[in-house]
């Protein structure tokens, strides 16, 4: 039997999909949606595996032993196609989807199901989305399209309407914390777990990734640099250059999460598990903090949107501009 099992918070979604399979009602097109860090891709792969297993047609999990399972494990199964972002591209292009159309219209080489996994589905450009629409409107026998997305609102409404949505929900905070402490060796204290889950917004796999990537250290460094900015002691252009040489989307996300820690501290009037926030107590207590904080949040979200767009923004200028706004916000 296959060793894959759904994460605890995926169990409900998995049981729903299994029930549909047993009833012969599994839809041709499915949109697996939810936040980053919940295991949507793993859920799609688990479903693909059981659809391509030849020995256990109505079993909950793939057998892991049949020819279909062995081909999957080797990455050579001819009846599954995965579509994603090509190198240095921010879009899934129409040529990629045309290959999907050809694949779907051909006969299964293993005389079974055919599966296409598209991730991230929100990256489909308009031409690719329209080409995919034809597959969804005119499904072929025993073929399944699994679209995986953390931003389903960016998909064409016509794509969404022709897929059954499988909405993956995040676990409760205590459940996420228990899983993180049980499965991530580096998280050896309640404080670390709380920090990671706060940054990851209670998405356990994202918190695990943050732990592996040393994000807590980066978060504390960001706080230190912003405090220097507040005091007028930061070489802004040089710091922006350093940020630009690293992972800019991560820095933007950390900036957003750091601002949220300040907002929460202001609203809840309680200490948060981030020592670096204490340095900003005077900022939090200033008149008009909430209004200015939400204006700053809009600035960060706009920068994130620019990074996610296809316009190839000048990232150095974007970072410098955001730092200027940070300084104005912190000084009130």
C-alpha atoms as a PDB file:
ATOM      1  CA  UNK A   1       0.000   0.000   0.000  1.00  0.00           C
ATOM      2  CA  UNK A   2       1.178   3.529  -0.770  1.00  0.00           C
ATOM      3  CA  UNK A   3       2.795   5.275   2.179  1.00  0.00           C
ATOM      4  CA  UNK A   4       1.111   8.617   1.417  1.00  0.00           C
ATOM      5  CA  UNK A   5      -1.535   9.741   3.867  1.00  0.00           C
ATOM      6  CA  UNK A   6      -3.208  13.143   4.057  1.00  0.00           C
ATOM      7  CA  UNK A   7      -2.176  15.648   6.699  1.00  0.00           C
ATOM      8  CA  UNK A   8      -4.770  15.843   9.510  1.00  0.00           C
ATOM      9  CA  UNK A   9      -6.240  19.080   8.168  1.00  0.00           C
ATOM     10  CA  UNK A  10      -6.611  17.501   4.699  1.00  0.00           C
ATOM     11  CA  UNK A  11      -8.537  14.495   5.992  1.00  0.00           C
ATOM     12  CA  UNK A  12     -11.998  15.987   5.461  1.00  0.00           C
ATOM     13  CA  UNK A  13     -11.223  17.032   1.876  1.00  0.00           C
ATOM     14  CA  UNK A  14      -9.693  13.632   1.145  1.00  0.00           C
ATOM     15  CA  UNK A  15     -12.692  11.744   2.522  1.00  0.00           C
ATOM     16  CA  UNK A  16     -14.988  13.878   0.361  1.00  0.00           C
ATOM     17  CA  UNK A  17     -12.977  13.057  -2.769  1.00  0.00           C
ATOM     18  CA  UNK A  18     -12.887   9.359  -1.864  1.00  0.00           C
ATOM     19  CA  UNK A  19     -16.659   9.347  -1.395  1.00  0.00           C
ATOM     20  CA  UNK A  20     -17.166  10.910  -4.826  1.00  0.00           C
ATOM     21  CA  UNK A  21     -14.893   8.270  -6.370  1.00  0.00           C
ATOM     22  CA  UNK A  22     -16.800   5.443  -4.725  1.00  0.00           C
ATOM     23  CA  UNK A  23     -20.068   6.837  -6.066  1.00  0.00           C
ATOM     24  CA  UNK A  24     -18.627   7.319  -9.542  1.00  0.00           C
ATOM     25  CA  UNK A  25     -19.258  11.058  -9.262  1.00  0.00           C
ATOM     26  CA  UNK A  26     -15.709  12.415  -9.301  1.00  0.00           C
ATOM     27  CA  UNK A  27     -15.863  15.482 -11.564  1.00  0.00           C
ATOM     28  CA  UNK A  28     -13.715  15.922 -14.644  1.00  0.00           C
ATOM     29  CA  UNK A  29     -12.394  19.294 -13.450  1.00  0.00           C
ATOM     30  CA  UNK A  30     -11.423  20.083  -9.855  1.00  0.00           C
ATOM     31  CA  UNK A  31     -10.042  23.285  -8.363  1.00  0.00           C
ATOM     32  CA  UNK A  32      -8.081  22.577  -5.185  1.00  0.00           C
ATOM     33  CA  UNK A  33      -7.822  25.929  -3.446  1.00  0.00           C
ATOM     34  CA  UNK A  34      -6.584  27.304  -0.141  1.00  0.00           C
ATOM     35  CA  UNK A  35      -3.749  29.221   1.483  1.00  0.00           C
ATOM     36  CA  UNK A  36      -0.100  28.521   0.817  1.00  0.00           C
ATOM     37  CA  UNK A  37       1.407  25.930   3.112  1.00  0.00           C
ATOM     38  CA  UNK A  38      -1.551  23.566   3.494  1.00  0.00           C
ATOM     39  CA  UNK A  39      -0.468  20.734   1.185  1.00  0.00           C
ATOM     40  CA  UNK A  40      -2.793  21.311  -1.766  1.00  0.00           C
ATOM     41  CA  UNK A  41      -0.230  19.921  -4.218  1.00  0.00           C
ATOM     42  CA  UNK A  42       0.179  16.798  -2.068  1.00  0.00           C
ATOM     43  CA  UNK A  43      -3.595  16.354  -2.040  1.00  0.00           C
ATOM     44  CA  UNK A  44      -3.658  16.595  -5.837  1.00  0.00           C
ATOM     45  CA  UNK A  45      -0.801  14.100  -6.115  1.00  0.00           C
ATOM     46  CA  UNK A  46      -2.531  11.715  -3.714  1.00  0.00           C
ATOM     47  CA  UNK A  47      -5.660  11.834  -5.846  1.00  0.00           C
ATOM     48  CA  UNK A  48      -3.648  11.379  -9.044  1.00  0.00           C
ATOM     49  CA  UNK A  49      -1.917   8.354  -7.530  1.00  0.00           C
ATOM     50  CA  UNK A  50      -5.115   6.572  -6.625  1.00  0.00           C
ATOM     51  CA  UNK A  51      -6.665   7.401 -10.016  1.00  0.00           C
ATOM     52  CA  UNK A  52      -3.704   5.786 -11.792  1.00  0.00           C
ATOM     53  CA  UNK A  53      -3.462   2.757  -9.491  1.00  0.00           C
ATOM     54  CA  UNK A  54      -4.617  -0.389 -11.346  1.00  0.00           C
ATOM     55  CA  UNK A  55      -5.149  -2.771  -8.428  1.00  0.00           C
ATOM     56  CA  UNK A  56      -7.461  -0.929  -6.033  1.00  0.00           C
ATOM     57  CA  UNK A  57     -10.164   0.750  -8.068  1.00  0.00           C
ATOM     58  CA  UNK A  58     -12.339   1.811  -5.125  1.00  0.00           C
ATOM     59  CA  UNK A  59      -9.724   1.745  -2.378  1.00  0.00           C
ATOM     60  CA  UNK A  60      -9.003   4.933  -0.467  1.00  0.00           C
ATOM     61  CA  UNK A  61      -5.276   4.876  -1.276  1.00  0.00           C
ATOM     62  CA  UNK A  62      -3.043   3.652  -4.094  1.00  0.00           C
ATOM     63  CA  UNK A  63      -1.556   0.186  -3.595  1.00  0.00           C
ATOM     64  CA  UNK A  64       2.025   1.297  -4.235  1.00  0.00           C
ATOM     65  CA  UNK A  65       2.869  -2.055  -5.870  1.00  0.00           C
ATOM     66  CA  UNK A  66       1.130  -2.314  -9.242  1.00  0.00           C
ATOM     67  CA  UNK A  67       2.671  -1.269 -12.537  1.00  0.00           C
ATOM     68  CA  UNK A  68       0.780   2.017 -12.481  1.00  0.00           C
ATOM     69  CA  UNK A  69       2.098   2.862  -9.017  1.00  0.00           C
ATOM     70  CA  UNK A  70       5.646   1.832  -9.920  1.00  0.00           C
ATOM     71  CA  UNK A  71       5.586   4.034 -13.026  1.00  0.00           C
ATOM     72  CA  UNK A  72       4.384   6.945 -10.908  1.00  0.00           C
ATOM     73  CA  UNK A  73       7.107   6.398  -8.338  1.00  0.00           C
ATOM     74  CA  UNK A  74       9.683   6.368 -11.131  1.00  0.00           C
ATOM     75  CA  UNK A  75       8.217   9.545 -12.608  1.00  0.00           C
ATOM     76  CA  UNK A  76       7.590   7.827 -15.943  1.00  0.00           C
ATOM     77  CA  UNK A  77       3.838   7.182 -15.977  1.00  0.00           C
ATOM     78  CA  UNK A  78       2.634   8.111 -19.483  1.00  0.00           C
ATOM     79  CA  UNK A  79      -0.901   8.995 -18.369  1.00  0.00           C
ATOM     80  CA  UNK A  80      -0.135  11.894 -16.056  1.00  0.00           C
ATOM     81  CA  UNK A  81       0.948  15.373 -17.118  1.00  0.00           C
ATOM     82  CA  UNK A  82       2.089  18.159 -14.808  1.00  0.00           C
ATOM     83  CA  UNK A  83       2.002  21.765 -15.952  1.00  0.00           C
ATOM     84  CA  UNK A  84       3.670  24.602 -14.061  1.00  0.00           C
ATOM     85  CA  UNK A  85       5.798  27.684 -14.486  1.00  0.00           C
ATOM     86  CA  UNK A  86       8.690  27.281 -16.867  1.00  0.00           C
ATOM     87  CA  UNK A  87      12.070  28.688 -15.868  1.00  0.00           C
ATOM     88  CA  UNK A  88      12.089  32.490 -15.397  1.00  0.00           C
ATOM     89  CA  UNK A  89       8.421  32.719 -16.402  1.00  0.00           C
ATOM     90  CA  UNK A  90       5.585  34.146 -14.322  1.00  0.00           C
ATOM     91  CA  UNK A  91       2.889  32.718 -16.576  1.00  0.00           C
ATOM     92  CA  UNK A  92       1.635  29.366 -17.770  1.00  0.00           C
ATOM     93  CA  UNK A  93       1.472  29.867 -21.527  1.00  0.00           C
ATOM     94  CA  UNK A  94      -0.878  28.711 -24.238  1.00  0.00           C
ATOM     95  CA  UNK A  95       1.685  26.347 -25.804  1.00  0.00           C
ATOM     96  CA  UNK A  96       1.805  24.421 -22.533  1.00  0.00           C
ATOM     97  CA  UNK A  97      -1.972  24.083 -22.460  1.00  0.00           C
ATOM     98  CA  UNK A  98      -2.066  22.976 -26.093  1.00  0.00           C
ATOM     99  CA  UNK A  99       0.051  20.019 -25.003  1.00  0.00           C
ATOM    100  CA  UNK A 100      -2.584  19.313 -22.353  1.00  0.00           C
ATOM    101  CA  UNK A 101      -5.309  19.344 -25.016  1.00  0.00           C
ATOM    102  CA  UNK A 102      -3.336  16.883 -27.162  1.00  0.00           C
ATOM    103  CA  UNK A 103      -2.651  14.693 -24.129  1.00  0.00           C
ATOM    104  CA  UNK A 104      -6.302  14.620 -23.053  1.00  0.00           C
ATOM    105  CA  UNK A 105      -7.522  13.746 -26.540  1.00  0.00           C
ATOM    106  CA  UNK A 106      -5.200  10.755 -26.908  1.00  0.00           C
ATOM    107  CA  UNK A 107      -6.021   7.258 -25.703  1.00  0.00           C
ATOM    108  CA  UNK A 108      -4.613   6.227 -22.340  1.00  0.00           C
ATOM    109  CA  UNK A 109      -1.406   4.243 -22.814  1.00  0.00           C
ATOM    110  CA  UNK A 110      -2.159   2.128 -19.732  1.00  0.00           C
ATOM    111  CA  UNK A 111      -5.857   1.653 -20.575  1.00  0.00           C
ATOM    112  CA  UNK A 112      -6.904   3.605 -17.499  1.00  0.00           C
ATOM    113  CA  UNK A 113      -7.415   7.166 -16.364  1.00  0.00           C
ATOM    114  CA  UNK A 114      -5.494  10.206 -17.548  1.00  0.00           C
ATOM    115  CA  UNK A 115      -4.645  12.983 -15.099  1.00  0.00           C
ATOM    116  CA  UNK A 116      -3.408  16.541 -15.592  1.00  0.00           C
ATOM    117  CA  UNK A 117      -2.155  18.593 -12.632  1.00  0.00           C
ATOM    118  CA  UNK A 118      -1.821  22.356 -13.174  1.00  0.00           C
ATOM    119  CA  UNK A 119      -0.053  24.379 -10.482  1.00  0.00           C
ATOM    120  CA  UNK A 120      -0.201  27.274  -9.843  1.00  0.00           C
ATOM    121  CA  UNK A 121      -3.412  27.518 -11.830  1.00  0.00           C
ATOM    122  CA  UNK A 122      -3.712  31.267 -11.224  1.00  0.00           C
ATOM    123  CA  UNK A 123      -0.605  31.697 -13.418  1.00  0.00           C
ATOM    124  CA  UNK A 124      -2.535  30.710 -16.552  1.00  0.00           C
ATOM    125  CA  UNK A 125      -2.430  33.666 -18.928  1.00  0.00           C
ATOM    126  CA  UNK A 126      -5.604  34.634 -20.783  1.00  0.00           C
ATOM    127  CA  UNK A 127      -4.818  32.608 -23.911  1.00  0.00           C
ATOM    128  CA  UNK A 128      -3.835  29.546 -21.891  1.00  0.00           C
ATOM    129  CA  UNK A 129      -6.990  29.824 -19.785  1.00  0.00           C
ATOM    130  CA  UNK A 130      -9.194  30.030 -22.863  1.00  0.00           C
ATOM    131  CA  UNK A 131      -7.475  26.992 -24.377  1.00  0.00           C
ATOM    132  CA  UNK A 132      -7.987  25.053 -21.134  1.00  0.00           C
ATOM    133  CA  UNK A 133     -11.635  26.032 -21.103  1.00  0.00           C
ATOM    134  CA  UNK A 134     -12.241  23.823 -24.137  1.00  0.00           C
ATOM    135  CA  UNK A 135     -10.963  20.802 -22.186  1.00  0.00           C
ATOM    136  CA  UNK A 136     -13.305  21.604 -19.311  1.00  0.00           C
ATOM    137  CA  UNK A 137     -16.298  22.199 -21.574  1.00  0.00           C
ATOM    138  CA  UNK A 138     -15.790  19.021 -23.612  1.00  0.00           C
ATOM    139  CA  UNK A 139     -14.350  16.424 -21.208  1.00  0.00           C
ATOM    140  CA  UNK A 140     -13.042  13.169 -22.598  1.00  0.00           C
ATOM    141  CA  UNK A 141     -13.758   9.843 -20.957  1.00  0.00           C
ATOM    142  CA  UNK A 142     -11.690   8.917 -17.894  1.00  0.00           C
ATOM    143  CA  UNK A 143      -9.707  12.158 -17.859  1.00  0.00           C
ATOM    144  CA  UNK A 144      -9.270  14.449 -14.855  1.00  0.00           C
ATOM    145  CA  UNK A 145      -7.964  18.008 -14.627  1.00  0.00           C
ATOM    146  CA  UNK A 146      -6.671  18.991 -11.188  1.00  0.00           C
ATOM    147  CA  UNK A 147      -6.091  22.729 -10.840  1.00  0.00           C
ATOM    148  CA  UNK A 148      -4.169  23.780  -7.726  1.00  0.00           C
ATOM    149  CA  UNK A 149      -4.352  27.409  -6.637  1.00  0.00           C
ATOM    150  CA  UNK A 150      -3.790  29.653  -3.613  1.00  0.00           C
ATOM    151  CA  UNK A 151      -5.400  32.577  -5.482  1.00  0.00           C
ATOM    152  CA  UNK A 152      -8.498  31.172  -7.242  1.00  0.00           C
ATOM    153  CA  UNK A 153      -9.936  34.673  -7.620  1.00  0.00           C
ATOM    154  CA  UNK A 154      -7.313  35.321 -10.293  1.00  0.00           C
ATOM    155  CA  UNK A 155      -8.692  32.524 -12.478  1.00  0.00           C
ATOM    156  CA  UNK A 156     -11.222  33.259 -15.196  1.00  0.00           C
ATOM    157  CA  UNK A 157     -14.766  32.965 -13.772  1.00  0.00           C
ATOM    158  CA  UNK A 158     -15.569  30.559 -16.606  1.00  0.00           C
ATOM    159  CA  UNK A 159     -12.719  28.278 -15.468  1.00  0.00           C
ATOM    160  CA  UNK A 160     -13.900  28.355 -11.856  1.00  0.00           C
ATOM    161  CA  UNK A 161     -17.508  27.688 -12.806  1.00  0.00           C
ATOM    162  CA  UNK A 162     -16.576  24.513 -14.692  1.00  0.00           C
ATOM    163  CA  UNK A 163     -14.570  23.027 -11.834  1.00  0.00           C
ATOM    164  CA  UNK A 164     -15.753  21.568  -8.579  1.00  0.00           C
ATOM    165  CA  UNK A 165     -14.008  23.493  -5.839  1.00  0.00           C
ATOM    166  CA  UNK A 166     -12.167  21.512  -3.175  1.00  0.00           C
ATOM    167  CA  UNK A 167     -11.518  24.164  -0.542  1.00  0.00           C
ATOM    168  CA  UNK A 168      -8.697  23.235   1.833  1.00  0.00           C
ATOM    169  CA  UNK A 169      -9.043  24.902   5.233  1.00  0.00           C
ATOM    170  CA  UNK A 170      -6.226  25.636   7.635  1.00  0.00           C
ATOM    171  CA  UNK A 171      -6.224  23.779  10.975  1.00  0.00           C
ATOM    172  CA  UNK A 172      -7.038  25.444  14.271  1.00  0.00           C
ATOM    173  CA  UNK A 173      -4.063  27.186  15.864  1.00  0.00           C
ATOM    174  CA  UNK A 174      -3.547  24.562  18.575  1.00  0.00           C
ATOM    175  CA  UNK A 175      -3.708  21.749  16.005  1.00  0.00           C
ATOM    176  CA  UNK A 176      -1.181  23.497  13.772  1.00  0.00           C
ATOM    177  CA  UNK A 177       1.108  24.098  16.740  1.00  0.00           C
ATOM    178  CA  UNK A 178       0.913  20.462  17.882  1.00  0.00           C
ATOM    179  CA  UNK A 179       1.719  19.211  14.372  1.00  0.00           C
ATOM    180  CA  UNK A 180       4.627  21.626  13.984  1.00  0.00           C
ATOM    181  CA  UNK A 181       6.207  20.658  17.298  1.00  0.00           C
ATOM    182  CA  UNK A 182       5.762  16.956  16.538  1.00  0.00           C
ATOM    183  CA  UNK A 183       7.227  17.056  13.024  1.00  0.00           C
ATOM    184  CA  UNK A 184       9.864  19.809  12.969  1.00  0.00           C
ATOM    185  CA  UNK A 185      12.859  19.014  15.149  1.00  0.00           C
ATOM    186  CA  UNK A 186      14.181  22.586  15.065  1.00  0.00           C
ATOM    187  CA  UNK A 187      11.006  23.855  16.736  1.00  0.00           C
ATOM    188  CA  UNK A 188      11.958  22.996  20.295  1.00  0.00           C
ATOM    189  CA  UNK A 189      10.014  25.633  22.211  1.00  0.00           C
ATOM    190  CA  UNK A 190       6.503  27.046  22.395  1.00  0.00           C
ATOM    191  CA  UNK A 191       7.908  30.474  21.593  1.00  0.00           C
ATOM    192  CA  UNK A 192       9.490  29.334  18.317  1.00  0.00           C
ATOM    193  CA  UNK A 193       6.285  27.532  17.324  1.00  0.00           C
ATOM    194  CA  UNK A 194       4.203  30.618  18.077  1.00  0.00           C
ATOM    195  CA  UNK A 195       6.566  32.860  16.108  1.00  0.00           C
ATOM    196  CA  UNK A 196       6.562  30.600  13.062  1.00  0.00           C
ATOM    197  CA  UNK A 197       2.809  30.124  13.041  1.00  0.00           C
ATOM    198  CA  UNK A 198       2.250  33.840  13.425  1.00  0.00           C
ATOM    199  CA  UNK A 199       4.473  34.521  10.406  1.00  0.00           C
ATOM    200  CA  UNK A 200       2.849  31.693   8.437  1.00  0.00           C
ATOM    201  CA  UNK A 201      -0.674  32.682   9.497  1.00  0.00           C
ATOM    202  CA  UNK A 202      -1.252  29.221  10.991  1.00  0.00           C
ATOM    203  CA  UNK A 203      -0.397  27.378   7.759  1.00  0.00           C
ATOM    204  CA  UNK A 204       1.683  24.453   9.107  1.00  0.00           C
ATOM    205  CA  UNK A 205       3.741  23.532   6.031  1.00  0.00           C
ATOM    206  CA  UNK A 206       4.621  27.169   5.416  1.00  0.00           C
ATOM    207  CA  UNK A 207       5.726  27.395   9.052  1.00  0.00           C
ATOM    208  CA  UNK A 208       7.848  24.273   8.501  1.00  0.00           C
ATOM    209  CA  UNK A 209       9.411  25.846   5.415  1.00  0.00           C
ATOM    210  CA  UNK A 210      10.101  29.035   7.350  1.00  0.00           C
ATOM    211  CA  UNK A 211      11.874  26.994  10.016  1.00  0.00           C
ATOM    212  CA  UNK A 212      13.980  25.177   7.417  1.00  0.00           C
ATOM    213  CA  UNK A 213      14.853  28.463   5.689  1.00  0.00           C
ATOM    214  CA  UNK A 214      15.846  30.286   8.873  1.00  0.00           C
ATOM    215  CA  UNK A 215      13.087  32.853   8.459  1.00  0.00           C
ATOM    216  CA  UNK A 216      13.042  33.724  12.160  1.00  0.00           C
ATOM    217  CA  UNK A 217      16.590  35.052  11.840  1.00  0.00           C
ATOM    218  CA  UNK A 218      15.575  37.077   8.768  1.00  0.00           C
ATOM    219  CA  UNK A 219      12.546  38.422  10.614  1.00  0.00           C
ATOM    220  CA  UNK A 220      14.668  39.609  13.535  1.00  0.00           C
ATOM    221  CA  UNK A 221      17.132  41.184  11.077  1.00  0.00           C
ATOM    222  CA  UNK A 222      14.274  43.029   9.364  1.00  0.00           C
ATOM    223  CA  UNK A 223      13.101  44.362  12.725  1.00  0.00           C
ATOM    224  CA  UNK A 224      16.623  45.544  13.541  1.00  0.00           C
ATOM    225  CA  UNK A 225      16.995  47.307  10.181  1.00  0.00           C
ATOM    226  CA  UNK A 226      13.601  48.994  10.491  1.00  0.00           C
ATOM    227  CA  UNK A 227      14.533  50.210  13.962  1.00  0.00           C
ATOM    228  CA  UNK A 228      17.714  51.735  12.510  1.00  0.00           C
ATOM    229  CA  UNK A 229      15.524  53.320   9.832  1.00  0.00           C
ATOM    230  CA  UNK A 230      13.289  54.747  12.564  1.00  0.00           C
ATOM    231  CA  UNK A 231      16.336  56.250  14.295  1.00  0.00           C
ATOM    232  CA  UNK A 232      17.771  57.589  11.028  1.00  0.00           C
ATOM    233  CA  UNK A 233      20.803  55.302  11.275  1.00  0.00           C
ATOM    234  CA  UNK A 234      20.170  53.069   8.243  1.00  0.00           C
ATOM    235  CA  UNK A 235      22.019  53.450   4.931  1.00  0.00           C
ATOM    236  CA  UNK A 236      18.798  53.056   2.983  1.00  0.00           C
ATOM    237  CA  UNK A 237      20.139  52.533  -0.547  1.00  0.00           C
ATOM    238  CA  UNK A 238      22.788  50.034   0.568  1.00  0.00           C
ATOM    239  CA  UNK A 239      20.233  48.060   2.579  1.00  0.00           C
ATOM    240  CA  UNK A 240      17.848  48.064  -0.397  1.00  0.00           C
ATOM    241  CA  UNK A 241      20.663  46.670  -2.555  1.00  0.00           C
ATOM    242  CA  UNK A 242      21.197  43.861  -0.037  1.00  0.00           C
ATOM    243  CA  UNK A 243      17.497  43.041  -0.014  1.00  0.00           C
ATOM    244  CA  UNK A 244      17.391  43.125  -3.822  1.00  0.00           C
ATOM    245  CA  UNK A 245      20.162  40.510  -4.014  1.00  0.00           C
ATOM    246  CA  UNK A 246      18.107  38.162  -1.860  1.00  0.00           C
ATOM    247  CA  UNK A 247      14.540  36.872  -2.045  1.00  0.00           C
ATOM    248  CA  UNK A 248      12.460  40.026  -2.485  1.00  0.00           C
ATOM    249  CA  UNK A 249       9.026  38.304  -2.211  1.00  0.00           C
ATOM    250  CA  UNK A 250      10.080  36.785   1.127  1.00  0.00           C
ATOM    251  CA  UNK A 251      11.268  40.194   2.363  1.00  0.00           C
ATOM    252  CA  UNK A 252       7.954  41.761   1.350  1.00  0.00           C
ATOM    253  CA  UNK A 253       6.022  39.028   3.117  1.00  0.00           C
ATOM    254  CA  UNK A 254       8.131  39.466   6.248  1.00  0.00           C
ATOM    255  CA  UNK A 255       7.535  43.226   6.080  1.00  0.00           C
ATOM    256  CA  UNK A 256       3.817  42.599   5.920  1.00  0.00           C
ATOM    257  CA  UNK A 257       3.894  40.137   8.797  1.00  0.00           C
ATOM    258  CA  UNK A 258       6.036  42.454  10.914  1.00  0.00           C
ATOM    259  CA  UNK A 259       3.509  45.231  10.408  1.00  0.00           C
ATOM    260  CA  UNK A 260       0.752  42.844  11.418  1.00  0.00           C
ATOM    261  CA  UNK A 261       2.615  42.093  14.657  1.00  0.00           C
ATOM    262  CA  UNK A 262       2.631  45.808  15.442  1.00  0.00           C
ATOM    263  CA  UNK A 263      -1.072  46.083  14.616  1.00  0.00           C
ATOM    264  CA  UNK A 264      -1.940  43.081  16.784  1.00  0.00           C
ATOM    265  CA  UNK A 265       0.142  44.403  19.645  1.00  0.00           C
ATOM    266  CA  UNK A 266      -1.676  47.735  19.408  1.00  0.00           C
ATOM    267  CA  UNK A 267      -5.142  46.167  19.181  1.00  0.00           C
ATOM    268  CA  UNK A 268      -4.769  43.412  21.774  1.00  0.00           C
ATOM    269  CA  UNK A 269      -2.727  45.418  24.274  1.00  0.00           C
ATOM    270  CA  UNK A 270      -0.757  42.265  25.034  1.00  0.00           C
ATOM    271  CA  UNK A 271       2.845  41.206  24.535  1.00  0.00           C
ATOM    272  CA  UNK A 272       3.490  39.163  21.408  1.00  0.00           C
ATOM    273  CA  UNK A 273       6.106  36.371  21.211  1.00  0.00           C
ATOM    274  CA  UNK A 274       8.499  38.602  19.265  1.00  0.00           C
ATOM    275  CA  UNK A 275      11.128  40.343  21.348  1.00  0.00           C
ATOM    276  CA  UNK A 276      11.998  42.742  18.529  1.00  0.00           C
ATOM    277  CA  UNK A 277       8.524  44.320  18.698  1.00  0.00           C
ATOM    278  CA  UNK A 278       9.336  45.799  22.099  1.00  0.00           C
ATOM    279  CA  UNK A 279      11.652  48.374  20.488  1.00  0.00           C
ATOM    280  CA  UNK A 280       8.685  49.822  18.619  1.00  0.00           C
ATOM    281  CA  UNK A 281       6.457  50.421  21.633  1.00  0.00           C
ATOM    282  CA  UNK A 282       6.656  54.204  21.175  1.00  0.00           C
ATOM    283  CA  UNK A 283       5.537  53.810  17.567  1.00  0.00           C
ATOM    284  CA  UNK A 284       2.574  51.665  18.589  1.00  0.00           C
ATOM    285  CA  UNK A 285       1.443  54.163  21.230  1.00  0.00           C
ATOM    286  CA  UNK A 286       1.415  57.223  18.943  1.00  0.00           C
ATOM    287  CA  UNK A 287      -1.904  58.883  18.113  1.00  0.00           C
ATOM    288  CA  UNK A 288      -3.350  57.797  14.793  1.00  0.00           C
ATOM    289  CA  UNK A 289      -1.311  54.572  14.717  1.00  0.00           C
ATOM    290  CA  UNK A 290      -4.125  52.353  13.407  1.00  0.00           C
ATOM    291  CA  UNK A 291      -4.976  54.580  10.448  1.00  0.00           C
ATOM    292  CA  UNK A 292      -1.343  54.991   9.452  1.00  0.00           C
ATOM    293  CA  UNK A 293      -0.657  51.267   9.934  1.00  0.00           C
ATOM    294  CA  UNK A 294      -3.430  50.225   7.557  1.00  0.00           C
ATOM    295  CA  UNK A 295      -2.245  52.782   5.009  1.00  0.00           C
ATOM    296  CA  UNK A 296       1.232  51.264   5.280  1.00  0.00           C
ATOM    297  CA  UNK A 297      -0.269  47.809   4.893  1.00  0.00           C
ATOM    298  CA  UNK A 298      -1.860  48.900   1.617  1.00  0.00           C
ATOM    299  CA  UNK A 299       1.546  50.119   0.413  1.00  0.00           C
ATOM    300  CA  UNK A 300       3.132  46.736   1.148  1.00  0.00           C
ATOM    301  CA  UNK A 301       0.276  44.825  -0.465  1.00  0.00           C
ATOM    302  CA  UNK A 302       0.592  46.999  -3.565  1.00  0.00           C
ATOM    303  CA  UNK A 303       4.305  46.186  -3.728  1.00  0.00           C
ATOM    304  CA  UNK A 304       3.501  42.471  -3.409  1.00  0.00           C
ATOM    305  CA  UNK A 305       0.933  42.783  -6.209  1.00  0.00           C
ATOM    306  CA  UNK A 306       3.539  44.463  -8.426  1.00  0.00           C
ATOM    307  CA  UNK A 307       5.982  41.621  -7.760  1.00  0.00           C
ATOM    308  CA  UNK A 308       3.295  39.068  -8.664  1.00  0.00           C
ATOM    309  CA  UNK A 309       2.335  40.882 -11.854  1.00  0.00           C
ATOM    310  CA  UNK A 310       3.818  40.313 -15.289  1.00  0.00           C
ATOM    311  CA  UNK A 311       5.151  43.877 -15.579  1.00  0.00           C
ATOM    312  CA  UNK A 312       8.722  43.124 -14.369  1.00  0.00           C
ATOM    313  CA  UNK A 313       8.980  46.029 -11.893  1.00  0.00           C
ATOM    314  CA  UNK A 314      12.275  47.712 -10.963  1.00  0.00           C
ATOM    315  CA  UNK A 315      12.760  45.883  -7.671  1.00  0.00           C
ATOM    316  CA  UNK A 316      15.563  48.132  -6.416  1.00  0.00           C
ATOM    317  CA  UNK A 317      13.341  51.184  -6.823  1.00  0.00           C
ATOM    318  CA  UNK A 318      10.363  49.352  -5.341  1.00  0.00           C
ATOM    319  CA  UNK A 319      12.335  48.438  -2.192  1.00  0.00           C
ATOM    320  CA  UNK A 320      13.782  51.922  -1.772  1.00  0.00           C
ATOM    321  CA  UNK A 321      10.345  53.490  -2.176  1.00  0.00           C
ATOM    322  CA  UNK A 322       8.843  51.132   0.388  1.00  0.00           C
ATOM    323  CA  UNK A 323      11.628  51.868   2.878  1.00  0.00           C
ATOM    324  CA  UNK A 324      10.959  55.601   2.540  1.00  0.00           C
ATOM    325  CA  UNK A 325       7.308  54.910   3.341  1.00  0.00           C
ATOM    326  CA  UNK A 326       8.322  52.700   6.281  1.00  0.00           C
ATOM    327  CA  UNK A 327      10.387  55.551   7.718  1.00  0.00           C
ATOM    328  CA  UNK A 328       7.526  58.032   7.370  1.00  0.00           C
ATOM    329  CA  UNK A 329       5.136  55.569   9.008  1.00  0.00           C
ATOM    330  CA  UNK A 330       7.439  54.745  11.930  1.00  0.00           C
ATOM    331  CA  UNK A 331       8.153  58.378  12.676  1.00  0.00           C
ATOM    332  CA  UNK A 332       4.484  59.291  12.493  1.00  0.00           C
END
